[in-house]
């Protein structure tokens, strides 16, 4: 199943085939390098709702905050 990764620069949704998840890719529109698939994705409320509502599979969400002690211990 492909992964959809949103470009931070132009907002374009890019489909990444499963066989290319380990590759570094570029946005199909603005050619900006896409963030690695294992990098956390910061989203605004609009994009969050879009991702969750359009998902055909369960979505794992890890909420994190700089002021949260346990969060910083897990991912400093």
PDB file of N, CA and C in Angstrom:
ATOM      1  N   UNK A   1       0.840  -1.171   0.000  1.00  0.00           N
ATOM      2  CA  UNK A   1       0.000   0.000   0.000  1.00  0.00           C
ATOM      3  C   UNK A   1       0.890   1.242   0.000  1.00  0.00           C
ATOM      4  N   UNK A   2       0.634   2.184  -0.874  1.00  0.00           N
ATOM      5  CA  UNK A   2       1.470   3.393  -0.934  1.00  0.00           C
ATOM      6  C   UNK A   2       1.227   4.302   0.269  1.00  0.00           C
ATOM      7  N   UNK A   3       2.188   5.147   0.520  1.00  0.00           N
ATOM      8  CA  UNK A   3       2.110   6.129   1.586  1.00  0.00           C
ATOM      9  C   UNK A   3       1.923   7.488   0.929  1.00  0.00           C
ATOM     10  N   UNK A   4       1.143   8.350   1.541  1.00  0.00           N
ATOM     11  CA  UNK A   4       0.970   9.711   1.036  1.00  0.00           C
ATOM     12  C   UNK A   4       1.786  10.633   1.934  1.00  0.00           C
ATOM     13  N   UNK A   5       2.681  11.392   1.323  1.00  0.00           N
ATOM     14  CA  UNK A   5       3.512  12.330   2.075  1.00  0.00           C
ATOM     15  C   UNK A   5       3.260  13.730   1.535  1.00  0.00           C
ATOM     16  N   UNK A   6       2.927  14.669   2.411  1.00  0.00           N
ATOM     17  CA  UNK A   6       2.632  16.040   2.008  1.00  0.00           C
ATOM     18  C   UNK A   6       3.910  16.870   1.994  1.00  0.00           C
ATOM     19  N   UNK A   7       4.113  17.599   0.915  1.00  0.00           N
ATOM     20  CA  UNK A   7       5.281  18.471   0.779  1.00  0.00           C
ATOM     21  C   UNK A   7       5.142  19.648   1.743  1.00  0.00           C
ATOM     22  N   UNK A   8       6.202  19.912   2.513  1.00  0.00           N
ATOM     23  CA  UNK A   8       6.175  21.024   3.463  1.00  0.00           C
ATOM     24  C   UNK A   8       6.161  22.377   2.763  1.00  0.00           C
ATOM     25  N   UNK A   9       6.703  22.440   1.557  1.00  0.00           N
ATOM     26  CA  UNK A   9       6.820  23.716   0.853  1.00  0.00           C
ATOM     27  C   UNK A   9       5.535  24.107   0.129  1.00  0.00           C
ATOM     28  N   UNK A  10       4.990  23.197  -0.686  1.00  0.00           N
ATOM     29  CA  UNK A  10       3.841  23.576  -1.521  1.00  0.00           C
ATOM     30  C   UNK A  10       2.525  22.913  -1.115  1.00  0.00           C
ATOM     31  N   UNK A  11       2.575  21.942  -0.187  1.00  0.00           N
ATOM     32  CA  UNK A  11       1.353  21.294   0.268  1.00  0.00           C
ATOM     33  C   UNK A  11       0.848  20.173  -0.628  1.00  0.00           C
ATOM     34  N   UNK A  12       1.567  19.875  -1.700  1.00  0.00           N
ATOM     35  CA  UNK A  12       1.160  18.808  -2.624  1.00  0.00           C
ATOM     36  C   UNK A  12       1.243  17.448  -1.937  1.00  0.00           C
ATOM     37  N   UNK A  13       0.245  16.609  -2.169  1.00  0.00           N
ATOM     38  CA  UNK A  13       0.272  15.243  -1.649  1.00  0.00           C
ATOM     39  C   UNK A  13       1.010  14.373  -2.651  1.00  0.00           C
ATOM     40  N   UNK A  14       2.005  13.646  -2.185  1.00  0.00           N
ATOM     41  CA  UNK A  14       2.828  12.791  -3.035  1.00  0.00           C
ATOM     42  C   UNK A  14       2.628  11.337  -2.633  1.00  0.00           C
ATOM     43  N   UNK A  15       2.305  10.496  -3.583  1.00  0.00           N
ATOM     44  CA  UNK A  15       2.117   9.070  -3.335  1.00  0.00           C
ATOM     45  C   UNK A  15       3.478   8.380  -3.433  1.00  0.00           C
ATOM     46  N   UNK A  16       3.843   7.658  -2.380  1.00  0.00           N
ATOM     47  CA  UNK A  16       5.112   6.943  -2.357  1.00  0.00           C
ATOM     48  C   UNK A  16       4.808   5.451  -2.364  1.00  0.00           C
ATOM     49  N   UNK A  17       5.131   4.753  -3.453  1.00  0.00           N
ATOM     50  CA  UNK A  17       4.880   3.310  -3.507  1.00  0.00           C
ATOM     51  C   UNK A  17       5.660   2.578  -2.416  1.00  0.00           C
ATOM     52  N   UNK A  18       5.099   1.490  -1.918  1.00  0.00           N
ATOM     53  CA  UNK A  18       5.720   0.726  -0.832  1.00  0.00           C
ATOM     54  C   UNK A  18       7.156   0.336  -1.161  1.00  0.00           C
ATOM     55  N   UNK A  19       7.442   0.020  -2.409  1.00  0.00           N
ATOM     56  CA  UNK A  19       8.797  -0.410  -2.771  1.00  0.00           C
ATOM     57  C   UNK A  19       9.810   0.737  -2.713  1.00  0.00           C
ATOM     58  N   UNK A  20       9.347   1.976  -2.599  1.00  0.00           N
ATOM     59  CA  UNK A  20      10.247   3.135  -2.557  1.00  0.00           C
ATOM     60  C   UNK A  20      10.245   3.852  -1.210  1.00  0.00           C
ATOM     61  N   UNK A  21       9.697   3.224  -0.172  1.00  0.00           N
ATOM     62  CA  UNK A  21       9.627   3.891   1.126  1.00  0.00           C
ATOM     63  C   UNK A  21      11.005   4.220   1.690  1.00  0.00           C
ATOM     64  N   UNK A  22      12.002   3.421   1.389  1.00  0.00           N
ATOM     65  CA  UNK A  22      13.353   3.664   1.911  1.00  0.00           C
ATOM     66  C   UNK A  22      14.114   4.700   1.086  1.00  0.00           C
ATOM     67  N   UNK A  23      13.612   5.035  -0.087  1.00  0.00           N
ATOM     68  CA  UNK A  23      14.295   5.994  -0.961  1.00  0.00           C
ATOM     69  C   UNK A  23      13.996   7.426  -0.532  1.00  0.00           C
ATOM     70  N   UNK A  24      14.907   8.336  -0.862  1.00  0.00           N
ATOM     71  CA  UNK A  24      14.601   9.749  -0.669  1.00  0.00           C
ATOM     72  C   UNK A  24      13.900  10.214  -1.935  1.00  0.00           C
ATOM     73  N   UNK A  25      12.896  11.009  -1.770  1.00  0.00           N
ATOM     74  CA  UNK A  25      12.124  11.443  -2.929  1.00  0.00           C
ATOM     75  C   UNK A  25      11.992  12.949  -2.989  1.00  0.00           C
ATOM     76  N   UNK A  26      11.419  13.413  -4.078  1.00  0.00           N
ATOM     77  CA  UNK A  26      11.175  14.842  -4.274  1.00  0.00           C
ATOM     78  C   UNK A  26       9.709  15.048  -4.594  1.00  0.00           C
ATOM     79  N   UNK A  27       9.208  16.214  -4.240  1.00  0.00           N
ATOM     80  CA  UNK A  27       7.824  16.568  -4.537  1.00  0.00           C
ATOM     81  C   UNK A  27       7.627  16.566  -6.051  1.00  0.00           C
ATOM     82  N   UNK A  28       6.528  16.007  -6.493  1.00  0.00           N
ATOM     83  CA  UNK A  28       6.241  15.949  -7.918  1.00  0.00           C
ATOM     84  C   UNK A  28       5.945  17.306  -8.526  1.00  0.00           C
ATOM     85  N   UNK A  29       5.600  18.301  -7.703  1.00  0.00           N
ATOM     86  CA  UNK A  29       5.256  19.628  -8.220  1.00  0.00           C
ATOM     87  C   UNK A  29       6.431  20.603  -8.117  1.00  0.00           C
ATOM     88  N   UNK A  30       6.931  20.818  -6.894  1.00  0.00           N
ATOM     89  CA  UNK A  30       7.963  21.849  -6.705  1.00  0.00           C
ATOM     90  C   UNK A  30       9.382  21.281  -6.619  1.00  0.00           C
ATOM     91  N   UNK A  31       9.506  19.959  -6.648  1.00  0.00           N
ATOM     92  CA  UNK A  31      10.805  19.266  -6.640  1.00  0.00           C
ATOM     93  C   UNK A  31      11.593  19.425  -5.340  1.00  0.00           C
ATOM     94  N   UNK A  32      10.957  19.909  -4.285  1.00  0.00           N
ATOM     95  CA  UNK A  32      11.599  20.005  -2.978  1.00  0.00           C
ATOM     96  C   UNK A  32      11.765  18.601  -2.406  1.00  0.00           C
ATOM     97  N   UNK A  33      12.905  18.301  -1.762  1.00  0.00           N
ATOM     98  CA  UNK A  33      13.058  16.975  -1.148  1.00  0.00           C
ATOM     99  C   UNK A  33      11.957  16.729  -0.112  1.00  0.00           C
ATOM    100  N   UNK A  34      11.386  15.523  -0.155  1.00  0.00           N
ATOM    101  CA  UNK A  34      10.360  15.155   0.812  1.00  0.00           C
ATOM    102  C   UNK A  34      11.026  14.675   2.092  1.00  0.00           C
ATOM    103  N   UNK A  35      10.383  14.906   3.239  1.00  0.00           N
ATOM    104  CA  UNK A  35      10.968  14.421   4.488  1.00  0.00           C
ATOM    105  C   UNK A  35      10.965  12.896   4.512  1.00  0.00           C
ATOM    106  N   UNK A  36      11.917  12.291   5.216  1.00  0.00           N
ATOM    107  CA  UNK A  36      11.929  10.822   5.318  1.00  0.00           C
ATOM    108  C   UNK A  36      10.624  10.322   5.933  1.00  0.00           C
ATOM    109  N   UNK A  37      10.216   9.114   5.562  1.00  0.00           N
ATOM    110  CA  UNK A  37       8.941   8.589   6.053  1.00  0.00           C
ATOM    111  C   UNK A  37       8.961   8.326   7.553  1.00  0.00           C
ATOM    112  N   UNK A  38      10.146   8.172   8.150  1.00  0.00           N
ATOM    113  CA  UNK A  38      10.198   7.939   9.591  1.00  0.00           C
ATOM    114  C   UNK A  38      10.324   9.233  10.391  1.00  0.00           C
ATOM    115  N   UNK A  39      10.318  10.368   9.714  1.00  0.00           N
ATOM    116  CA  UNK A  39      10.390  11.660  10.391  1.00  0.00           C
ATOM    117  C   UNK A  39       8.989  12.078  10.831  1.00  0.00           C
ATOM    118  N   UNK A  40       8.848  12.567  12.072  1.00  0.00           N
ATOM    119  CA  UNK A  40       7.522  13.021  12.511  1.00  0.00           C
ATOM    120  C   UNK A  40       6.988  14.103  11.587  1.00  0.00           C
ATOM    121  N   UNK A  41       5.695  14.112  11.440  1.00  0.00           N
ATOM    122  CA  UNK A  41       5.034  15.060  10.549  1.00  0.00           C
ATOM    123  C   UNK A  41       4.234  16.044  11.383  1.00  0.00           C
ATOM    124  N   UNK A  42       4.605  17.321  11.327  1.00  0.00           N
ATOM    125  CA  UNK A  42       3.835  18.343  12.029  1.00  0.00           C
ATOM    126  C   UNK A  42       2.674  18.754  11.141  1.00  0.00           C
ATOM    127  N   UNK A  43       1.479  18.775  11.723  1.00  0.00           N
ATOM    128  CA  UNK A  43       0.295  19.113  10.942  1.00  0.00           C
ATOM    129  C   UNK A  43      -0.531  20.163  11.666  1.00  0.00           C
ATOM    130  N   UNK A  44      -1.307  20.910  10.892  1.00  0.00           N
ATOM    131  CA  UNK A  44      -2.258  21.840  11.476  1.00  0.00           C
ATOM    132  C   UNK A  44      -3.597  21.101  11.617  1.00  0.00           C
ATOM    133  N   UNK A  45      -4.576  21.687  12.297  1.00  0.00           N
ATOM    134  CA  UNK A  45      -5.855  20.989  12.487  1.00  0.00           C
ATOM    135  C   UNK A  45      -6.520  20.562  11.174  1.00  0.00           C
ATOM    136  N   UNK A  46      -6.409  21.381  10.147  1.00  0.00           N
ATOM    137  CA  UNK A  46      -7.032  21.055   8.859  1.00  0.00           C
ATOM    138  C   UNK A  46      -6.404  19.804   8.238  1.00  0.00           C
ATOM    139  N   UNK A  47      -5.082  19.754   8.191  1.00  0.00           N
ATOM    140  CA  UNK A  47      -4.399  18.598   7.611  1.00  0.00           C
ATOM    141  C   UNK A  47      -4.607  17.348   8.474  1.00  0.00           C
ATOM    142  N   UNK A  48      -4.614  17.509   9.796  1.00  0.00           N
ATOM    143  CA  UNK A  48      -4.864  16.376  10.687  1.00  0.00           C
ATOM    144  C   UNK A  48      -6.223  15.750  10.378  1.00  0.00           C
ATOM    145  N   UNK A  49      -7.263  16.585  10.313  1.00  0.00           N
ATOM    146  CA  UNK A  49      -8.603  16.070  10.016  1.00  0.00           C
ATOM    147  C   UNK A  49      -8.649  15.404   8.650  1.00  0.00           C
ATOM    148  N   UNK A  50      -7.987  15.986   7.682  1.00  0.00           N
ATOM    149  CA  UNK A  50      -7.966  15.420   6.334  1.00  0.00           C
ATOM    150  C   UNK A  50      -7.305  14.038   6.332  1.00  0.00           C
ATOM    151  N   UNK A  51      -6.180  13.916   7.006  1.00  0.00           N
ATOM    152  CA  UNK A  51      -5.472  12.636   7.058  1.00  0.00           C
ATOM    153  C   UNK A  51      -6.324  11.575   7.742  1.00  0.00           C
ATOM    154  N   UNK A  52      -6.876  11.908   8.896  1.00  0.00           N
ATOM    155  CA  UNK A  52      -7.638  10.933   9.674  1.00  0.00           C
ATOM    156  C   UNK A  52      -8.944  10.558   8.979  1.00  0.00           C
ATOM    157  N   UNK A  53      -9.640  11.533   8.416  1.00  0.00           N
ATOM    158  CA  UNK A  53     -10.936  11.251   7.800  1.00  0.00           C
ATOM    159  C   UNK A  53     -10.812  10.513   6.479  1.00  0.00           C
ATOM    160  N   UNK A  54      -9.730  10.711   5.747  1.00  0.00           N
ATOM    161  CA  UNK A  54      -9.576  10.058   4.448  1.00  0.00           C
ATOM    162  C   UNK A  54      -8.841   8.726   4.531  1.00  0.00           C
ATOM    163  N   UNK A  55      -8.346   8.377   5.703  1.00  0.00           N
ATOM    164  CA  UNK A  55      -7.575   7.141   5.846  1.00  0.00           C
ATOM    165  C   UNK A  55      -8.468   5.917   5.671  1.00  0.00           C
ATOM    166  N   UNK A  56      -7.967   4.961   4.913  1.00  0.00           N
ATOM    167  CA  UNK A  56      -8.686   3.696   4.738  1.00  0.00           C
ATOM    168  C   UNK A  56      -8.222   2.650   5.739  1.00  0.00           C
ATOM    169  N   UNK A  57      -7.213   2.992   6.501  1.00  0.00           N
ATOM    170  CA  UNK A  57      -6.665   2.093   7.523  1.00  0.00           C
ATOM    171  C   UNK A  57      -6.511   2.897   8.819  1.00  0.00           C
ATOM    172  N   UNK A  58      -6.318   2.225   9.946  1.00  0.00           N
ATOM    173  CA  UNK A  58      -6.109   2.966  11.198  1.00  0.00           C
ATOM    174  C   UNK A  58      -4.889   3.885  11.102  1.00  0.00           C
ATOM    175  N   UNK A  59      -4.973   5.011  11.773  1.00  0.00           N
ATOM    176  CA  UNK A  59      -3.893   5.994  11.782  1.00  0.00           C
ATOM    177  C   UNK A  59      -3.307   6.049  13.193  1.00  0.00           C
ATOM    178  N   UNK A  60      -1.992   5.905  13.290  1.00  0.00           N
ATOM    179  CA  UNK A  60      -1.313   6.001  14.576  1.00  0.00           C
ATOM    180  C   UNK A  60      -0.878   7.449  14.777  1.00  0.00           C
ATOM    181  N   UNK A  61      -1.334   8.052  15.863  1.00  0.00           N
ATOM    182  CA  UNK A  61      -1.005   9.442  16.155  1.00  0.00           C
ATOM    183  C   UNK A  61      -0.222   9.484  17.456  1.00  0.00           C
ATOM    184  N   UNK A  62       0.934  10.117  17.423  1.00  0.00           N
ATOM    185  CA  UNK A  62       1.755  10.286  18.614  1.00  0.00           C
ATOM    186  C   UNK A  62       1.826  11.777  18.895  1.00  0.00           C
ATOM    187  N   UNK A  63       1.096  12.224  19.907  1.00  0.00           N
ATOM    188  CA  UNK A  63       1.122  13.636  20.268  1.00  0.00           C
ATOM    189  C   UNK A  63       2.372  13.901  21.094  1.00  0.00           C
ATOM    190  N   UNK A  64       3.061  14.995  20.792  1.00  0.00           N
ATOM    191  CA  UNK A  64       4.327  15.310  21.424  1.00  0.00           C
ATOM    192  C   UNK A  64       4.384  16.802  21.693  1.00  0.00           C
ATOM    193  N   UNK A  65       5.012  17.173  22.808  1.00  0.00           N
ATOM    194  CA  UNK A  65       5.183  18.590  23.127  1.00  0.00           C
ATOM    195  C   UNK A  65       6.548  18.797  23.774  1.00  0.00           C
ATOM    196  N   UNK A  66       7.176  19.918  23.480  1.00  0.00           N
ATOM    197  CA  UNK A  66       8.504  20.222  24.011  1.00  0.00           C
ATOM    198  C   UNK A  66       8.489  20.352  25.533  1.00  0.00           C
ATOM    199  N   UNK A  67       7.362  20.765  26.092  1.00  0.00           N
ATOM    200  CA  UNK A  67       7.269  20.953  27.535  1.00  0.00           C
ATOM    201  C   UNK A  67       6.939  19.663  28.288  1.00  0.00           C
ATOM    202  N   UNK A  68       6.667  18.578  27.576  1.00  0.00           N
ATOM    203  CA  UNK A  68       6.245  17.305  28.176  1.00  0.00           C
ATOM    204  C   UNK A  68       7.468  16.457  28.533  1.00  0.00           C
ATOM    205  N   UNK A  69       7.705  16.231  29.835  1.00  0.00           N
ATOM    206  CA  UNK A  69       8.855  15.449  30.282  1.00  0.00           C
ATOM    207  C   UNK A  69       8.916  14.051  29.687  1.00  0.00           C
ATOM    208  N   UNK A  70       7.842  13.241  29.794  1.00  0.00           N
ATOM    209  CA  UNK A  70       7.872  11.904  29.195  1.00  0.00           C
ATOM    210  C   UNK A  70       8.090  11.937  27.676  1.00  0.00           C
ATOM    211  N   UNK A  71       7.548  12.947  27.010  1.00  0.00           N
ATOM    212  CA  UNK A  71       7.762  13.072  25.557  1.00  0.00           C
ATOM    213  C   UNK A  71       9.246  13.266  25.262  1.00  0.00           C
ATOM    214  N   UNK A  72       9.883  14.125  26.023  1.00  0.00           N
ATOM    215  CA  UNK A  72      11.303  14.410  25.794  1.00  0.00           C
ATOM    216  C   UNK A  72      12.176  13.208  26.116  1.00  0.00           C
ATOM    217  N   UNK A  73      11.752  12.390  27.072  1.00  0.00           N
ATOM    218  CA  UNK A  73      12.511  11.179  27.397  1.00  0.00           C
ATOM    219  C   UNK A  73      12.420  10.171  26.255  1.00  0.00           C
ATOM    220  N   UNK A  74      11.259  10.107  25.613  1.00  0.00           N
ATOM    221  CA  UNK A  74      11.052   9.149  24.524  1.00  0.00           C
ATOM    222  C   UNK A  74      11.761   9.588  23.250  1.00  0.00           C
ATOM    223  N   UNK A  75      11.776  10.879  22.976  1.00  0.00           N
ATOM    224  CA  UNK A  75      12.382  11.394  21.743  1.00  0.00           C
ATOM    225  C   UNK A  75      13.006  12.752  22.022  1.00  0.00           C
ATOM    226  N   UNK A  76      14.211  12.760  22.610  1.00  0.00           N
ATOM    227  CA  UNK A  76      14.840  14.049  22.960  1.00  0.00           C
ATOM    228  C   UNK A  76      15.214  14.871  21.748  1.00  0.00           C
TER     229      UNK A  76
END
